[in-house]
Amino acid sequence: MPLYSCRTIAPSGTLRETKIEAESETLARSMVQGKGEVVLRIRRVDSDSAGRATGGGRRKPTTEDIASAFRQMSILARAGIPLVEGLSGLAENCRSEALRDAFNRVAADVSQGAALSEAFAQQPHVFPAVATDMAKVAEAGGDLSKSLARLADHLEKAAEIKRKIKSALAYPIVVVCISLCAVLALVTFILPRFMRLFKTMGVKVPWTTNMLMAFGHLLVSRWYVFVLLIALAGYLVRRYVRTRHGKRKLDAIVLKLPIIGDIATKVILSRTLASLSTLLASGVPMVQALETSASAADNLIVKEALQTARDRVAEGSSTSQAFRSTELFPSLVLQMIACGEKTGDLPALVDHVCAMYEQETDIKVKALTTVIEPILIVGLGLIVGFIAVSVVLPIYSLVGGIK
């Protein structure tokens, strides 16, 4: 949904800078005017400029930072600290400058009469949609402290999954980088010295050596061409992936990849179902919970499936039937949801599925690391072996000629 930056005058006479999501500029203007504010300027902003507006060009806060802030906010709310005072104190203690600015803006909005959920909604590039929905439930009579504690638990679990995946991929990435550096050194520095010796001695070199030498010469003399080609390819791929069709195509490929696809599926389902469980446990209605979980899904295929389930539930279908109609969710998820509907304890059962998926993800990630290591070693051995053979064969010819 488009994001609009608005400069307004509040009923109290103070000047405000806010951001609001709306389908059009007209709708955004009417939403602001509905709060009794006078619009001085309104313009649409993209993701990058919105990030600069919320963080002053600073790095976006990590999930761990946001989770820690909500955990502290939950403790302050349970201790009875006034909301504005607690938000201001959180802003002072935030390590992330972008998060500090966001909490300062939230504190300013709340002090001027805005609801906490509205203040969170004004910072969509910092606070997740689930925070807005849980704040709305708390404002309708729920327990803000418990809602924020559940939100912190949810964010901490999501951050833990990301951390485990990054840790598992760190070793393969380092090996690949070192391997590329070694191959480039062989082709651009070592092989040319042998080639000069072979030409001096009049040794006939095989086609593999000539091919490697031509590649090394081209890499040294025309390196900027490779840089431009890589940059152009990266730009085109990035631009294509930003389109809905490209994003959908990439997400579908990721889910179908061998081994990686199974891990990606479990990670995405665990994340979305954890969001759904957190919202339901806080009292958010099922339709709204599905909508928020869909917006939090990184995968467009899963997002469309959740939106389809949301529409079916809004039409009167049960949650298990709505999930079954998407043909995406495993039978275990469907059985747990159906059981939760019968027992009336759907959030707990969905949370149980999430915990099980997290355990399976840990096992799969460790297995992936075990599989990748020998593949990388074999691949590196083949590449280096090919280069070595291309160098050794002319040496054998040279030794034979001397005899």
Protein backbone atom coordinates (compact mmCIF):
# COMPACT_ATOMS: atom_id res chain seq x y z
CA MET A 1 0.00 0.00 0.00
CA PRO A 2 1.39 3.47 -0.83
CA LEU A 3 2.91 5.50 1.98
CA TYR A 4 2.31 9.26 2.28
CA SER A 5 4.25 11.84 4.27
CA CYS A 6 2.01 14.51 5.78
CA ARG A 7 2.78 17.85 7.42
CA THR A 8 -0.22 18.94 9.47
CA ILE A 9 -1.34 21.27 12.21
CA ALA A 10 -2.91 19.42 15.13
CA PRO A 11 -6.02 20.79 16.89
CA SER A 12 -3.70 21.92 19.69
CA GLY A 13 -1.88 24.14 17.17
CA THR A 14 1.36 22.15 17.08
CA LEU A 15 3.10 21.29 13.80
CA ARG A 16 3.33 17.56 13.09
CA GLU A 17 5.15 15.34 10.57
CA THR A 18 3.41 11.99 10.14
CA LYS A 19 3.26 9.12 7.69
CA ILE A 20 0.16 7.22 6.72
CA GLU A 21 -0.63 4.28 4.44
CA ALA A 22 -3.59 4.73 2.09
CA GLU A 23 -4.79 3.63 -1.33
CA SER A 24 -4.61 7.17 -2.74
CA GLU A 25 -3.58 10.69 -1.83
CA THR A 26 -7.22 11.74 -1.54
CA LEU A 27 -7.94 8.95 0.93
CA ALA A 28 -4.80 9.79 2.93
CA ARG A 29 -5.86 13.45 3.09
CA SER A 30 -9.35 12.54 4.28
CA MET A 31 -7.94 10.17 6.93
CA VAL A 32 -5.76 12.94 8.33
CA GLN A 33 -8.54 15.52 8.21
CA GLY A 34 -10.80 13.04 10.01
CA LYS A 35 -8.57 13.48 13.06
CA GLY A 36 -9.29 17.22 13.05
CA GLU A 37 -5.89 18.18 11.65
CA VAL A 38 -5.19 20.77 8.95
CA VAL A 39 -3.11 19.41 6.08
CA LEU A 40 -0.25 21.68 5.00
CA ARG A 41 1.51 19.25 2.69
CA ILE A 42 1.04 15.66 1.63
CA ARG A 43 3.22 13.66 -0.76
CA ARG A 44 3.86 10.06 -1.59
CA VAL A 45 7.19 8.57 -0.50
CA ASP A 46 8.91 5.35 -1.51
CA SER A 47 10.51 2.80 0.81
CA ASP A 48 13.94 4.43 0.74
CA SER A 49 12.70 7.93 1.51
CA ALA A 50 10.40 6.54 4.17
CA GLY A 51 13.39 4.87 5.74
CA ARG A 52 15.22 8.18 5.76
CA ALA A 53 12.19 9.86 7.30
CA THR A 54 11.98 7.37 10.13
CA GLY A 55 15.65 6.94 10.69
CA GLY A 56 17.33 10.01 9.30
CA GLY A 57 19.17 7.88 6.75
CA ARG A 58 20.35 5.54 9.52
CA ARG A 59 20.35 1.78 9.45
CA LYS A 60 17.01 0.09 10.04
CA PRO A 61 16.82 -1.39 13.56
CA THR A 62 17.30 -5.14 13.86
CA THR A 63 14.59 -7.51 15.01
CA GLU A 64 16.56 -8.09 18.21
CA ASP A 65 16.55 -4.35 18.97
CA ILE A 66 12.80 -4.08 18.42
CA ALA A 67 12.09 -7.20 20.50
CA SER A 68 14.23 -5.88 23.35
CA ALA A 69 12.42 -2.53 23.24
CA PHE A 70 8.99 -4.19 23.41
CA ARG A 71 10.19 -6.39 26.28
CA GLN A 72 11.23 -3.29 28.23
CA MET A 73 7.98 -1.56 27.30
CA SER A 74 6.04 -4.56 28.67
CA ILE A 75 7.92 -4.35 31.97
CA LEU A 76 7.27 -0.61 32.23
CA ALA A 77 3.56 -1.10 31.52
CA ARG A 78 3.34 -3.84 34.16
CA ALA A 79 5.06 -1.52 36.65
CA GLY A 80 2.41 1.14 36.04
CA ILE A 81 4.70 3.71 34.39
CA PRO A 82 2.66 6.25 32.36
CA LEU A 83 2.76 5.41 28.65
CA VAL A 84 4.30 8.66 27.39
CA GLU A 85 6.93 8.62 30.12
CA GLY A 86 7.76 4.98 29.35
CA LEU A 87 8.05 5.65 25.61
CA SER A 88 10.36 8.60 26.21
CA GLY A 89 12.52 6.51 28.53
CA LEU A 90 12.73 3.74 25.94
CA ALA A 91 13.81 6.24 23.30
CA GLU A 92 16.69 7.39 25.50
CA ASN A 93 17.90 3.81 26.06
CA CYS A 94 17.66 2.57 22.45
CA ARG A 95 21.00 1.71 20.85
CA SER A 96 19.56 2.11 17.34
CA GLU A 97 19.18 5.74 16.30
CA ALA A 98 16.34 4.87 13.92
CA LEU A 99 14.47 3.08 16.72
CA ARG A 100 15.14 6.00 19.06
CA ASP A 101 13.64 8.43 16.55
CA ALA A 102 10.63 6.14 16.03
CA PHE A 103 9.88 5.92 19.78
CA ASN A 104 10.29 9.68 20.12
CA ARG A 105 7.72 10.15 17.35
CA VAL A 106 5.39 7.61 18.98
CA ALA A 107 5.73 9.39 22.34
CA ALA A 108 4.98 12.73 20.67
CA ASP A 109 1.91 11.35 18.90
CA VAL A 110 0.56 9.71 22.07
CA SER A 111 1.15 12.88 24.10
CA GLN A 112 -0.94 14.78 21.55
CA GLY A 113 -3.87 12.41 21.95
CA ALA A 114 -3.20 9.68 19.38
CA ALA A 115 -3.79 6.05 20.31
CA LEU A 116 -0.74 3.82 20.66
CA SER A 117 -1.86 1.69 17.70
CA GLU A 118 -2.18 4.81 15.53
CA ALA A 119 1.28 5.95 16.59
CA PHE A 120 2.75 2.54 15.71
CA ALA A 121 0.95 2.64 12.35
CA GLN A 122 2.68 5.94 11.55
CA GLN A 123 6.05 4.11 11.68
CA PRO A 124 5.38 1.09 9.40
CA HIS A 125 9.04 0.72 8.40
CA VAL A 126 10.11 0.26 12.02
CA PHE A 127 7.23 -1.39 13.88
CA PRO A 128 5.64 -4.54 12.38
CA ALA A 129 1.91 -4.68 11.64
CA VAL A 130 1.44 -7.23 14.41
CA ALA A 131 2.46 -4.53 16.94
CA THR A 132 -0.30 -2.24 15.68
CA ASP A 133 -2.96 -4.95 15.89
CA MET A 134 -1.94 -6.06 19.38
CA ALA A 135 -1.96 -2.44 20.57
CA LYS A 136 -5.51 -2.10 19.22
CA VAL A 137 -6.62 -5.15 21.20
CA ALA A 138 -5.01 -3.76 24.35
CA GLU A 139 -6.76 -0.43 23.81
CA ALA A 140 -10.09 -2.26 23.48
CA GLY A 141 -9.76 -3.67 26.98
CA GLY A 142 -6.83 -6.08 26.83
CA ASP A 143 -3.68 -6.21 28.90
CA LEU A 144 -1.01 -4.07 27.22
CA SER A 145 1.79 -5.62 29.26
CA LYS A 146 0.86 -9.19 28.28
CA SER A 147 0.33 -8.22 24.64
CA LEU A 148 3.76 -6.59 24.45
CA ALA A 149 5.37 -9.58 26.19
CA ARG A 150 3.83 -11.95 23.61
CA LEU A 151 4.99 -9.65 20.84
CA ALA A 152 8.54 -9.66 22.24
CA ASP A 153 8.47 -13.48 22.42
CA HIS A 154 7.33 -13.64 18.80
CA LEU A 155 10.04 -11.27 17.56
CA GLU A 156 12.74 -13.03 19.58
CA LYS A 157 11.79 -16.39 18.03
CA ALA A 158 11.91 -14.89 14.53
CA ALA A 159 15.31 -13.36 15.26
CA GLU A 160 16.60 -16.69 16.59
CA ILE A 161 15.60 -18.49 13.39
CA LYS A 162 17.39 -15.88 11.26
CA ARG A 163 20.48 -16.12 13.45
CA LYS A 164 20.65 -19.91 13.12
CA ILE A 165 20.29 -19.78 9.34
CA LYS A 166 22.99 -17.11 9.01
CA SER A 167 25.30 -19.11 11.26
CA ALA A 168 24.78 -22.25 9.17
CA LEU A 169 25.49 -20.41 5.91
CA ALA A 170 28.55 -18.54 7.18
CA TYR A 171 30.99 -21.43 6.62
CA PRO A 172 29.90 -22.25 3.03
CA ILE A 173 30.03 -18.58 2.07
CA VAL A 174 33.57 -18.21 3.45
CA VAL A 175 34.69 -21.36 1.61
CA VAL A 176 33.21 -20.14 -1.66
CA CYS A 177 34.91 -16.74 -1.34
CA ILE A 178 38.29 -18.29 -0.56
CA SER A 179 37.89 -20.72 -3.45
CA LEU A 180 37.13 -17.92 -5.90
CA CYS A 181 40.17 -15.97 -4.73
CA ALA A 182 42.38 -19.05 -5.13
CA VAL A 183 41.10 -19.75 -8.65
CA LEU A 184 41.56 -16.13 -9.70
CA ALA A 185 45.12 -16.14 -8.35
CA LEU A 186 45.92 -19.33 -10.29
CA VAL A 187 44.46 -18.04 -13.54
CA THR A 188 45.74 -14.46 -13.44
CA PHE A 189 49.18 -14.78 -11.77
CA ILE A 190 50.54 -18.34 -11.70
CA LEU A 191 49.38 -19.71 -15.07
CA PRO A 192 50.77 -16.78 -17.15
CA ARG A 193 54.27 -17.39 -15.76
CA PHE A 194 54.14 -21.02 -16.85
CA MET A 195 52.83 -19.97 -20.26
CA ARG A 196 55.85 -17.74 -20.84
CA LEU A 197 58.11 -20.70 -20.03
CA PHE A 198 56.19 -22.99 -22.38
CA LYS A 199 56.41 -20.50 -25.24
CA THR A 200 60.15 -20.02 -24.68
CA MET A 201 60.72 -23.76 -24.81
CA GLY A 202 58.38 -24.23 -27.76
CA VAL A 203 56.10 -26.63 -25.91
CA LYS A 204 52.73 -27.43 -27.47
CA VAL A 205 50.02 -26.71 -24.92
CA PRO A 206 46.59 -28.39 -24.88
CA TRP A 207 43.35 -26.53 -25.59
CA THR A 208 42.41 -26.47 -21.90
CA THR A 209 45.54 -24.47 -21.09
CA ASN A 210 44.92 -22.06 -23.96
CA MET A 211 41.32 -21.60 -22.82
CA LEU A 212 42.37 -20.84 -19.24
CA MET A 213 45.09 -18.50 -20.45
CA ALA A 214 42.67 -16.62 -22.70
CA PHE A 215 40.22 -16.30 -19.80
CA GLY A 216 42.97 -15.04 -17.46
CA HIS A 217 44.21 -12.52 -20.05
CA LEU A 218 40.68 -11.26 -20.63
CA LEU A 219 40.09 -11.02 -16.88
CA VAL A 220 43.23 -8.93 -16.37
CA SER A 221 42.99 -6.69 -19.44
CA ARG A 222 39.20 -6.27 -19.51
CA TRP A 223 38.31 -6.52 -15.81
CA TYR A 224 35.97 -3.56 -16.05
CA VAL A 225 33.83 -5.47 -18.56
CA PHE A 226 33.25 -8.24 -16.02
CA VAL A 227 32.46 -5.67 -13.34
CA LEU A 228 29.95 -3.92 -15.62
CA LEU A 229 28.34 -7.23 -16.66
CA ILE A 230 27.99 -8.36 -13.05
CA ALA A 231 26.58 -4.96 -12.02
CA LEU A 232 24.15 -4.95 -14.96
CA ALA A 233 23.01 -8.50 -14.26
CA GLY A 234 22.51 -7.67 -10.59
CA TYR A 235 20.54 -4.54 -11.46
CA LEU A 236 18.27 -6.37 -13.93
CA VAL A 237 17.64 -9.26 -11.56
CA ARG A 238 16.92 -6.89 -8.69
CA ARG A 239 14.56 -4.84 -10.82
CA TYR A 240 12.73 -7.96 -12.02
CA VAL A 241 12.41 -9.37 -8.50
CA ARG A 242 10.88 -6.07 -7.33
CA THR A 243 7.96 -6.59 -9.72
CA ARG A 244 5.07 -8.70 -8.46
CA HIS A 245 5.53 -11.25 -11.24
CA GLY A 246 9.28 -11.54 -10.58
CA LYS A 247 8.80 -11.76 -6.81
CA ARG A 248 6.16 -14.45 -7.21
CA LYS A 249 8.35 -16.42 -9.61
CA LEU A 250 11.37 -16.27 -7.29
CA ASP A 251 9.32 -17.24 -4.22
CA ALA A 252 7.83 -20.21 -6.08
CA ILE A 253 11.31 -21.38 -7.14
CA VAL A 254 12.63 -21.08 -3.59
CA LEU A 255 9.84 -23.30 -2.24
CA LYS A 256 10.54 -25.97 -4.89
CA LEU A 257 14.32 -26.18 -4.51
CA PRO A 258 15.61 -29.53 -3.22
CA ILE A 259 16.50 -29.49 0.49
CA ILE A 260 16.55 -25.68 0.60
CA GLY A 261 12.89 -25.51 -0.42
CA ASP A 262 11.83 -27.71 2.49
CA ILE A 263 13.80 -25.56 4.93
CA ALA A 264 12.40 -22.34 3.43
CA THR A 265 8.85 -23.70 3.65
CA LYS A 266 9.22 -24.63 7.32
CA VAL A 267 10.86 -21.29 8.19
CA ILE A 268 8.13 -19.26 6.44
CA LEU A 269 5.27 -21.33 7.87
CA SER A 270 6.81 -21.19 11.34
CA ARG A 271 7.11 -17.41 11.13
CA THR A 272 3.59 -16.79 9.82
CA LEU A 273 1.93 -19.30 12.14
CA ALA A 274 3.81 -17.82 15.10
CA SER A 275 2.43 -14.41 14.16
CA LEU A 276 -1.06 -15.91 13.85
CA SER A 277 -0.78 -17.64 17.24
CA THR A 278 0.46 -14.45 18.93
CA LEU A 279 -2.41 -12.39 17.53
CA LEU A 280 -5.07 -14.97 18.39
CA ALA A 281 -3.73 -15.35 21.94
CA SER A 282 -4.04 -11.57 22.34
CA GLY A 283 -7.68 -11.62 21.25
CA VAL A 284 -7.35 -10.41 17.65
CA PRO A 285 -10.23 -11.71 15.45
CA MET A 286 -9.31 -14.49 13.01
CA VAL A 287 -9.90 -12.44 9.84
CA GLN A 288 -7.72 -9.58 11.07
CA ALA A 289 -5.08 -12.02 12.38
CA LEU A 290 -4.86 -13.73 8.98
CA GLU A 291 -4.57 -10.35 7.26
CA THR A 292 -1.70 -9.29 9.53
CA SER A 293 0.05 -12.66 9.24
CA ALA A 294 -0.23 -12.43 5.45
CA SER A 295 1.37 -8.98 5.43
CA ALA A 296 4.22 -10.33 7.59
CA ALA A 297 4.95 -13.25 5.24
CA ASP A 298 8.11 -12.70 3.19
CA ASN A 299 7.00 -15.21 0.56
CA LEU A 300 4.35 -14.03 -1.91
CA ILE A 301 3.00 -17.56 -2.43
CA VAL A 302 2.35 -17.98 1.29
CA LYS A 303 0.99 -14.42 1.50
CA GLU A 304 -1.57 -15.11 -1.24
CA ALA A 305 -2.53 -18.40 0.45
CA LEU A 306 -3.18 -16.61 3.76
CA GLN A 307 -5.18 -13.93 1.98
CA THR A 308 -7.27 -16.64 0.31
CA ALA A 309 -7.84 -18.26 3.71
CA ARG A 310 -8.81 -14.87 5.14
CA ASP A 311 -11.42 -14.38 2.42
CA ARG A 312 -12.87 -17.86 3.02
CA VAL A 313 -13.10 -17.25 6.77
CA ALA A 314 -14.78 -13.88 6.13
CA GLU A 315 -17.32 -15.71 3.95
CA GLY A 316 -18.17 -18.08 6.80
CA SER A 317 -15.87 -21.08 6.30
CA SER A 318 -14.04 -22.65 9.21
CA THR A 319 -10.35 -21.91 9.56
CA SER A 320 -9.34 -25.51 8.80
CA GLN A 321 -11.48 -25.54 5.63
CA ALA A 322 -10.07 -22.18 4.57
CA PHE A 323 -6.50 -23.41 5.02
CA ARG A 324 -7.28 -26.66 3.19
CA SER A 325 -8.62 -24.75 0.19
CA THR A 326 -5.22 -23.09 -0.36
CA GLU A 327 -3.57 -26.50 -1.02
CA LEU A 328 -0.36 -25.17 0.51
CA PHE A 329 -0.37 -26.08 4.18
CA PRO A 330 0.74 -29.59 5.26
CA SER A 331 -1.78 -32.07 6.61
CA LEU A 332 -0.32 -31.73 10.12
CA VAL A 333 -1.14 -28.01 10.19
CA LEU A 334 -4.66 -28.70 8.96
CA GLN A 335 -5.21 -31.41 11.59
CA MET A 336 -3.93 -29.17 14.39
CA ILE A 337 -6.13 -26.28 13.31
CA ALA A 338 -9.18 -28.55 13.07
CA CYS A 339 -8.42 -29.94 16.53
CA GLY A 340 -7.96 -26.42 17.91
CA GLU A 341 -11.35 -25.38 16.54
CA LYS A 342 -13.02 -28.33 18.25
CA THR A 343 -11.30 -27.84 21.61
CA GLY A 344 -11.40 -24.04 21.52
CA ASP A 345 -7.65 -23.79 22.11
CA LEU A 346 -6.49 -22.86 18.62
CA PRO A 347 -3.64 -20.45 19.64
CA ALA A 348 -1.95 -23.09 21.80
CA LEU A 349 -2.11 -25.77 19.10
CA VAL A 350 -0.83 -23.40 16.42
CA ASP A 351 2.00 -22.44 18.77
CA HIS A 352 2.76 -26.15 19.22
CA VAL A 353 3.07 -26.55 15.44
CA CYS A 354 5.43 -23.56 15.34
CA ALA A 355 7.65 -25.11 18.03
CA MET A 356 7.75 -28.38 16.13
CA TYR A 357 8.67 -26.59 12.89
CA GLU A 358 11.43 -24.72 14.69
CA GLN A 359 12.93 -28.01 15.88
CA GLU A 360 12.68 -29.51 12.39
CA THR A 361 14.27 -26.37 10.94
CA ASP A 362 17.25 -26.72 13.30
CA ILE A 363 17.72 -30.33 12.22
CA LYS A 364 17.36 -29.50 8.52
CA VAL A 365 19.79 -26.56 8.73
CA LYS A 366 22.42 -28.73 10.41
CA ALA A 367 21.87 -31.44 7.79
CA LEU A 368 22.19 -28.84 5.04
CA THR A 369 25.54 -27.74 6.43
CA THR A 370 26.68 -31.36 6.52
CA VAL A 371 25.67 -31.85 2.88
CA ILE A 372 27.11 -28.56 1.59
CA GLU A 373 30.61 -29.10 3.01
CA PRO A 374 31.54 -32.20 0.90
CA ILE A 375 29.87 -30.68 -2.17
CA LEU A 376 32.00 -27.56 -1.83
CA ILE A 377 35.17 -29.60 -1.27
CA VAL A 378 34.49 -31.78 -4.33
CA GLY A 379 33.61 -28.77 -6.48
CA LEU A 380 36.73 -26.89 -5.41
CA GLY A 381 38.83 -29.99 -6.01
CA LEU A 382 37.48 -30.38 -9.54
CA ILE A 383 38.17 -26.73 -10.41
CA VAL A 384 41.67 -26.71 -8.97
CA GLY A 385 42.35 -30.13 -10.47
CA PHE A 386 41.31 -28.91 -13.91
CA ILE A 387 43.70 -25.94 -13.61
CA ALA A 388 46.49 -28.16 -12.29
CA VAL A 389 46.10 -30.65 -15.16
CA SER A 390 46.17 -27.77 -17.64
CA VAL A 391 49.54 -26.75 -16.19
CA VAL A 392 50.99 -30.24 -15.64
CA LEU A 393 50.32 -31.62 -19.15
CA PRO A 394 52.59 -29.05 -20.88
CA ILE A 395 55.25 -29.75 -18.24
CA TYR A 396 55.17 -33.44 -19.14
CA SER A 397 55.51 -32.47 -22.79
CA LEU A 398 58.48 -30.24 -21.88
CA VAL A 399 60.20 -33.04 -19.91
CA GLY A 400 59.58 -35.50 -22.74
CA GLY A 401 61.11 -33.08 -25.26
CA ILE A 402 64.24 -32.68 -23.12
CA LYS A 403 64.70 -36.47 -22.93
